Amino acid sequence: MATKQLSHHPELEDALAEEPFDEERWIVLEDWLLECEDPRADLVILEKRGADTKRRLRGLARRLLGTKHATIVQKVYQCDWRAGFLRECQYTGGPDPLSSFLEAPASSLLRAFMLTASPSDIDHAVGTFVNKACVRSLRRLTLSSWNHDGSDHRIACAGLENMVQLRHLILRSVMLAAAPALPRLHALTLAPMRTGVVALADQISQIAWPSITDLSYEAPNMLGDGIGLRPLLALVDETMFPKLERLTVTGLAAAELELATQALGDACAKRGVALVIAP
């Protein structure tokens, strides 16, 4: 079994990609791996026993992660493995070796992924997702970068247009040039750095998100400067978020909490939007 190549069952994998959180579909795939004595069957047995799989994963690294596995394992962390497939993980780095990782069997059923890259790399890195198998199963994507100078740097992120199954997009100090046309995308989380609050407010007032029903805003620590009402009230703009049903705001400083709660409460009440504000 040690030298046997990985087997593939397109119908079972397609079914899981349609419902990547469906436990029964995972069990069906695991049973098939056991029946055909796939190299990943050892992982299934160990997982069912609750045993440590690290040693077996290392032994299968080349087959699961491809020829650049030694580099990939240094950049991928917070991994949720099941039956030799990475269901969720985080990656820090540029488009290389991300492209190789996304072509590897282990990434073909990703359902949640966090990409952290420099402002100069993140657009190209997202572009590596185009035509990769995981876009059919990916439901939550986090894009994380930094904006130390407060510039209004917006990225095209053309690769997002390929993620037709995406439900939740999380932008951490990342600003887009336009909202991706993804009809199933209903949840958006915005988490700017302190230096990017003003630029993000400008972006919100200029770019419409027609499919978003659930919007979250994670306020940064402003070191006593205060966020102000403009960035917060932009979150309730009916022109930019016409289908908004729920707004969640977290991290506001105590000094701003009362005023922000009143202003956002009034704006949300006029639209019939449910509001949650937490420290």
Protein backbone atom coordinates (compact mmCIF):
# COMPACT_ATOMS: atom_id res chain seq x y z
CA MET A 1 0.00 0.00 0.00
CA ALA A 2 2.93 2.31 0.62
CA THR A 3 3.68 2.76 -3.12
CA LYS A 4 0.13 2.61 -4.44
CA GLN A 5 -1.14 5.72 -6.20
CA LEU A 6 -4.17 7.66 -4.97
CA SER A 7 -7.52 6.58 -6.37
CA HIS A 8 -10.26 8.96 -7.46
CA HIS A 9 -14.04 8.64 -7.53
CA PRO A 10 -15.30 11.73 -9.42
CA GLU A 11 -18.96 11.13 -8.54
CA LEU A 12 -18.33 10.88 -4.79
CA GLU A 13 -15.98 13.86 -4.82
CA ASP A 14 -18.47 15.93 -6.84
CA ALA A 15 -21.20 15.04 -4.35
CA LEU A 16 -19.01 16.21 -1.46
CA ALA A 17 -18.13 19.41 -3.28
CA GLU A 18 -21.87 20.17 -3.52
CA GLU A 19 -22.33 19.70 0.24
CA PRO A 20 -18.87 19.82 1.90
CA PHE A 21 -20.34 19.93 5.41
CA ASP A 22 -22.48 16.79 4.90
CA GLU A 23 -21.25 14.11 7.32
CA GLU A 24 -22.91 11.24 5.49
CA ARG A 25 -21.16 12.11 2.23
CA TRP A 26 -17.80 12.09 3.99
CA ILE A 27 -18.56 8.66 5.42
CA VAL A 28 -19.46 7.31 1.97
CA LEU A 29 -16.15 8.58 0.58
CA GLU A 30 -14.23 7.10 3.51
CA ASP A 31 -15.90 3.73 3.02
CA TRP A 32 -14.90 3.76 -0.64
CA LEU A 33 -11.28 4.59 0.24
CA LEU A 34 -11.25 1.63 2.62
CA GLU A 35 -12.78 -0.71 0.06
CA CYS A 36 -10.26 0.10 -2.68
CA GLU A 37 -7.34 0.08 -0.20
CA ASP A 38 -6.34 3.59 -1.18
CA PRO A 39 -3.20 4.88 0.59
CA ARG A 40 -5.49 7.27 2.47
CA ALA A 41 -7.36 4.32 4.00
CA ASP A 42 -4.73 4.25 6.76
CA LEU A 43 -5.68 7.82 7.64
CA VAL A 44 -9.36 6.92 7.75
CA ILE A 45 -8.65 4.07 10.18
CA LEU A 46 -6.48 6.24 12.41
CA GLU A 47 -9.05 9.06 12.42
CA LYS A 48 -11.87 6.69 13.34
CA ARG A 49 -9.77 5.45 16.25
CA GLY A 50 -8.99 8.99 17.35
CA ALA A 51 -5.28 8.26 16.86
CA ASP A 52 -2.51 10.65 15.82
CA THR A 53 -2.25 10.93 12.01
CA LYS A 54 0.82 13.17 11.77
CA ARG A 55 3.29 10.41 10.96
CA ARG A 56 1.10 8.92 8.23
CA LEU A 57 0.44 12.36 6.76
CA ARG A 58 4.18 12.95 6.54
CA GLY A 59 4.57 9.65 4.73
CA LEU A 60 1.90 10.63 2.21
CA ALA A 61 2.97 14.26 1.87
CA ARG A 62 4.31 13.97 -1.67
CA ARG A 63 1.20 12.23 -2.97
CA LEU A 64 -1.22 14.51 -1.11
CA LEU A 65 0.55 17.85 -1.63
CA GLY A 66 2.58 17.34 -4.80
CA THR A 67 6.23 17.86 -5.69
CA LYS A 68 6.52 21.08 -3.66
CA HIS A 69 5.21 19.44 -0.50
CA ALA A 70 8.28 20.35 1.57
CA THR A 71 7.71 24.06 0.92
CA ILE A 72 3.92 23.85 1.19
CA VAL A 73 3.93 22.30 4.67
CA GLN A 74 5.90 25.32 5.91
CA LYS A 75 3.25 27.73 4.65
CA VAL A 76 0.03 25.87 5.48
CA TYR A 77 -1.20 25.74 9.08
CA GLN A 78 -4.34 25.44 11.24
CA CYS A 79 -5.15 22.41 9.12
CA ASP A 80 -8.36 20.38 9.37
CA TRP A 81 -7.59 17.03 7.69
CA ARG A 82 -10.05 14.29 6.91
CA ALA A 83 -9.32 11.15 4.92
CA GLY A 84 -6.32 12.82 3.27
CA PHE A 85 -8.25 15.92 2.23
CA LEU A 86 -7.69 19.36 3.72
CA ARG A 87 -11.12 20.71 4.57
CA GLU A 88 -9.90 23.96 6.13
CA CYS A 89 -6.51 25.64 6.47
CA GLN A 90 -4.57 28.89 6.45
CA TYR A 91 -1.78 29.84 4.06
CA THR A 92 0.76 32.66 4.27
CA GLY A 93 2.78 33.59 1.20
CA GLY A 94 2.56 34.53 -2.45
CA PRO A 95 1.30 32.74 -5.55
CA ASP A 96 4.21 30.28 -5.44
CA PRO A 97 3.79 27.59 -4.11
CA LEU A 98 0.06 28.37 -3.68
CA SER A 99 -0.67 27.38 -7.25
CA SER A 100 1.00 23.99 -6.73
CA PHE A 101 -0.93 23.50 -3.49
CA LEU A 102 -4.25 24.21 -5.21
CA GLU A 103 -3.43 21.62 -7.87
CA ALA A 104 -2.66 18.94 -5.28
CA PRO A 105 -5.22 16.22 -4.36
CA ALA A 106 -5.33 17.33 -0.72
CA SER A 107 -6.82 20.74 -1.59
CA SER A 108 -9.53 19.53 -3.97
CA LEU A 109 -12.31 19.63 -1.35
CA LEU A 110 -11.37 22.77 0.58
CA ARG A 111 -14.39 24.39 2.17
CA ALA A 112 -12.70 27.21 4.12
CA PHE A 113 -9.40 28.92 3.36
CA MET A 114 -7.49 31.91 4.74
CA LEU A 115 -4.91 33.54 2.50
CA THR A 116 -2.45 36.03 3.98
CA ALA A 117 -0.21 37.83 1.50
CA SER A 118 1.52 41.17 1.02
CA PRO A 119 -0.41 43.96 -0.75
CA SER A 120 1.74 43.42 -3.84
CA ASP A 121 1.11 39.66 -3.94
CA ILE A 122 -2.46 39.11 -2.85
CA ASP A 123 -4.15 39.93 -6.19
CA HIS A 124 -1.92 37.50 -8.07
CA ALA A 125 -2.31 34.90 -5.33
CA VAL A 126 -6.10 34.98 -5.59
CA GLY A 127 -5.72 34.58 -9.34
CA THR A 128 -4.17 31.14 -8.80
CA PHE A 129 -7.61 29.82 -7.80
CA VAL A 130 -8.92 30.10 -11.37
CA ASN A 131 -10.00 26.69 -12.69
CA LYS A 132 -8.78 24.84 -9.60
CA ALA A 133 -10.90 21.96 -8.28
CA CYS A 134 -11.48 23.52 -4.85
CA VAL A 135 -13.57 26.41 -6.18
CA ARG A 136 -16.52 24.01 -6.44
CA SER A 137 -16.41 23.29 -2.69
CA LEU A 138 -15.04 26.54 -1.23
CA ARG A 139 -17.66 28.21 0.98
CA ARG A 140 -15.65 30.64 3.12
CA LEU A 141 -12.62 32.64 2.01
CA THR A 142 -10.55 35.02 4.12
CA LEU A 143 -8.18 37.44 2.41
CA SER A 144 -5.73 39.07 4.79
CA SER A 145 -3.04 41.68 4.20
CA TRP A 146 -1.94 45.01 5.68
CA ASN A 147 -2.29 48.71 4.97
CA HIS A 148 0.20 50.62 7.07
CA ASP A 149 0.08 53.89 5.11
CA GLY A 150 -3.72 54.20 4.85
CA SER A 151 -3.65 54.20 1.04
CA ASP A 152 -6.78 53.50 -0.98
CA HIS A 153 -5.19 50.49 -2.68
CA ARG A 154 -7.86 48.32 -4.29
CA ILE A 155 -7.18 45.02 -5.96
CA ALA A 156 -9.03 43.45 -8.87
CA CYS A 157 -9.03 39.89 -7.50
CA ALA A 158 -10.31 38.49 -10.77
CA GLY A 159 -9.90 35.01 -9.33
CA LEU A 160 -12.91 35.60 -7.06
CA GLU A 161 -15.26 35.51 -10.05
CA ASN A 162 -14.50 31.80 -10.40
CA MET A 163 -15.68 30.97 -6.86
CA VAL A 164 -19.32 30.39 -7.73
CA GLN A 165 -20.09 28.45 -4.52
CA LEU A 166 -18.64 31.03 -2.14
CA ARG A 167 -20.99 32.01 0.71
CA HIS A 168 -18.83 34.12 3.03
CA LEU A 169 -16.01 36.52 2.13
CA ILE A 170 -13.82 37.98 4.88
CA LEU A 171 -11.60 40.94 4.02
CA ARG A 172 -8.89 41.78 6.55
CA SER A 173 -7.18 44.99 5.47
CA VAL A 174 -7.98 44.10 1.86
CA MET A 175 -10.02 46.38 -0.39
CA LEU A 176 -11.50 45.34 -3.71
CA ALA A 177 -11.89 47.39 -6.87
CA ALA A 178 -15.36 45.92 -7.38
CA ALA A 179 -17.69 43.46 -5.71
CA PRO A 180 -17.45 40.01 -7.31
CA ALA A 181 -20.57 38.87 -9.16
CA LEU A 182 -21.30 35.83 -7.01
CA PRO A 183 -25.05 35.24 -6.51
CA ARG A 184 -24.56 32.80 -3.62
CA LEU A 185 -22.31 35.15 -1.66
CA HIS A 186 -24.50 36.38 1.19
CA ALA A 187 -22.08 37.11 4.06
CA LEU A 188 -19.34 39.75 4.12
CA THR A 189 -16.94 40.58 6.95
CA LEU A 190 -14.86 43.76 6.88
CA ALA A 191 -11.91 44.04 9.25
CA PRO A 192 -9.68 47.04 8.45
CA MET A 193 -6.47 48.10 10.14
CA ARG A 194 -6.57 51.37 12.06
CA THR A 195 -4.79 53.10 9.16
CA GLY A 196 -7.31 51.83 6.62
CA VAL A 197 -10.62 52.88 8.21
CA VAL A 198 -11.04 56.06 6.14
CA ALA A 199 -10.09 54.36 2.87
CA LEU A 200 -12.50 51.52 3.58
CA ALA A 201 -15.31 54.00 4.24
CA ASP A 202 -14.67 55.48 0.79
CA GLN A 203 -14.77 52.03 -0.74
CA ILE A 204 -18.05 51.14 0.97
CA SER A 205 -19.68 54.32 -0.34
CA GLN A 206 -18.63 53.56 -3.93
CA ILE A 207 -19.01 49.79 -4.38
CA ALA A 208 -22.36 48.01 -4.20
CA TRP A 209 -22.71 44.49 -2.82
CA PRO A 210 -26.11 43.43 -4.19
CA SER A 211 -26.23 39.90 -2.74
CA ILE A 212 -25.07 40.54 0.84
CA THR A 213 -27.64 39.83 3.58
CA ASP A 214 -25.24 39.46 6.53
CA LEU A 215 -22.61 42.14 7.09
CA SER A 216 -20.04 42.19 9.89
CA TYR A 217 -17.64 44.99 10.76
CA GLU A 218 -14.71 44.35 13.10
CA ALA A 219 -13.55 47.73 14.32
CA PRO A 220 -9.80 48.07 14.90
CA ASN A 221 -8.21 49.55 17.97
CA MET A 222 -8.05 53.26 17.07
CA LEU A 223 -5.67 54.09 19.94
CA GLY A 224 -8.03 56.75 21.22
CA ASP A 225 -8.69 58.48 17.89
CA GLY A 226 -12.21 57.12 17.38
CA ILE A 227 -13.74 55.70 14.21
CA GLY A 228 -16.48 58.27 13.76
CA LEU A 229 -20.01 57.72 12.49
CA ARG A 230 -19.33 58.02 8.75
CA PRO A 231 -17.67 54.60 8.31
CA LEU A 232 -20.34 52.98 10.47
CA LEU A 233 -23.39 54.54 8.82
CA ALA A 234 -21.98 53.57 5.42
CA LEU A 235 -22.61 49.97 6.45
CA VAL A 236 -26.36 50.57 6.40
CA ASP A 237 -26.45 52.38 3.04
CA GLU A 238 -29.34 50.85 1.11
CA THR A 239 -27.74 51.70 -2.23
CA MET A 240 -24.59 49.74 -1.41
CA PHE A 241 -26.24 46.90 0.53
CA PRO A 242 -29.79 46.64 -0.88
CA LYS A 243 -30.52 43.16 0.57
CA LEU A 244 -29.01 43.69 4.01
CA GLU A 245 -30.86 41.84 6.79
CA ARG A 246 -28.34 41.67 9.65
CA LEU A 247 -25.48 43.94 10.72
CA THR A 248 -22.96 42.96 13.39
CA VAL A 249 -20.40 45.45 14.70
CA THR A 250 -17.69 44.45 17.16
CA GLY A 251 -14.68 46.09 18.76
CA LEU A 252 -15.96 49.65 19.20
CA ALA A 253 -14.28 51.64 21.95
CA ALA A 254 -16.35 52.36 25.04
CA ALA A 255 -16.25 56.09 24.31
CA GLU A 256 -17.98 55.54 20.96
CA LEU A 257 -20.34 52.78 21.92
CA GLU A 258 -23.34 54.83 23.10
CA LEU A 259 -23.37 57.25 20.17
CA ALA A 260 -22.73 54.52 17.60
CA THR A 261 -25.44 52.31 19.07
CA GLN A 262 -27.99 55.12 18.84
CA ALA A 263 -27.05 56.19 15.30
CA LEU A 264 -26.79 52.67 13.89
CA GLY A 265 -29.93 51.60 15.74
CA ASP A 266 -31.95 54.37 14.13
CA ALA A 267 -30.53 53.69 10.66
CA CYS A 268 -31.13 49.95 10.93
CA ALA A 269 -34.65 50.42 12.29
CA LYS A 270 -35.60 52.51 9.26
CA ARG A 271 -34.52 49.66 6.98
CA GLY A 272 -35.74 46.78 9.11
CA VAL A 273 -32.18 45.51 9.55
CA ALA A 274 -31.33 43.49 12.66
CA LEU A 275 -28.42 45.05 14.56
CA VAL A 276 -25.95 43.43 16.96
CA ILE A 277 -23.24 45.53 18.62
CA ALA A 278 -20.70 43.86 20.87
CA PRO A 279 -17.61 45.36 22.57
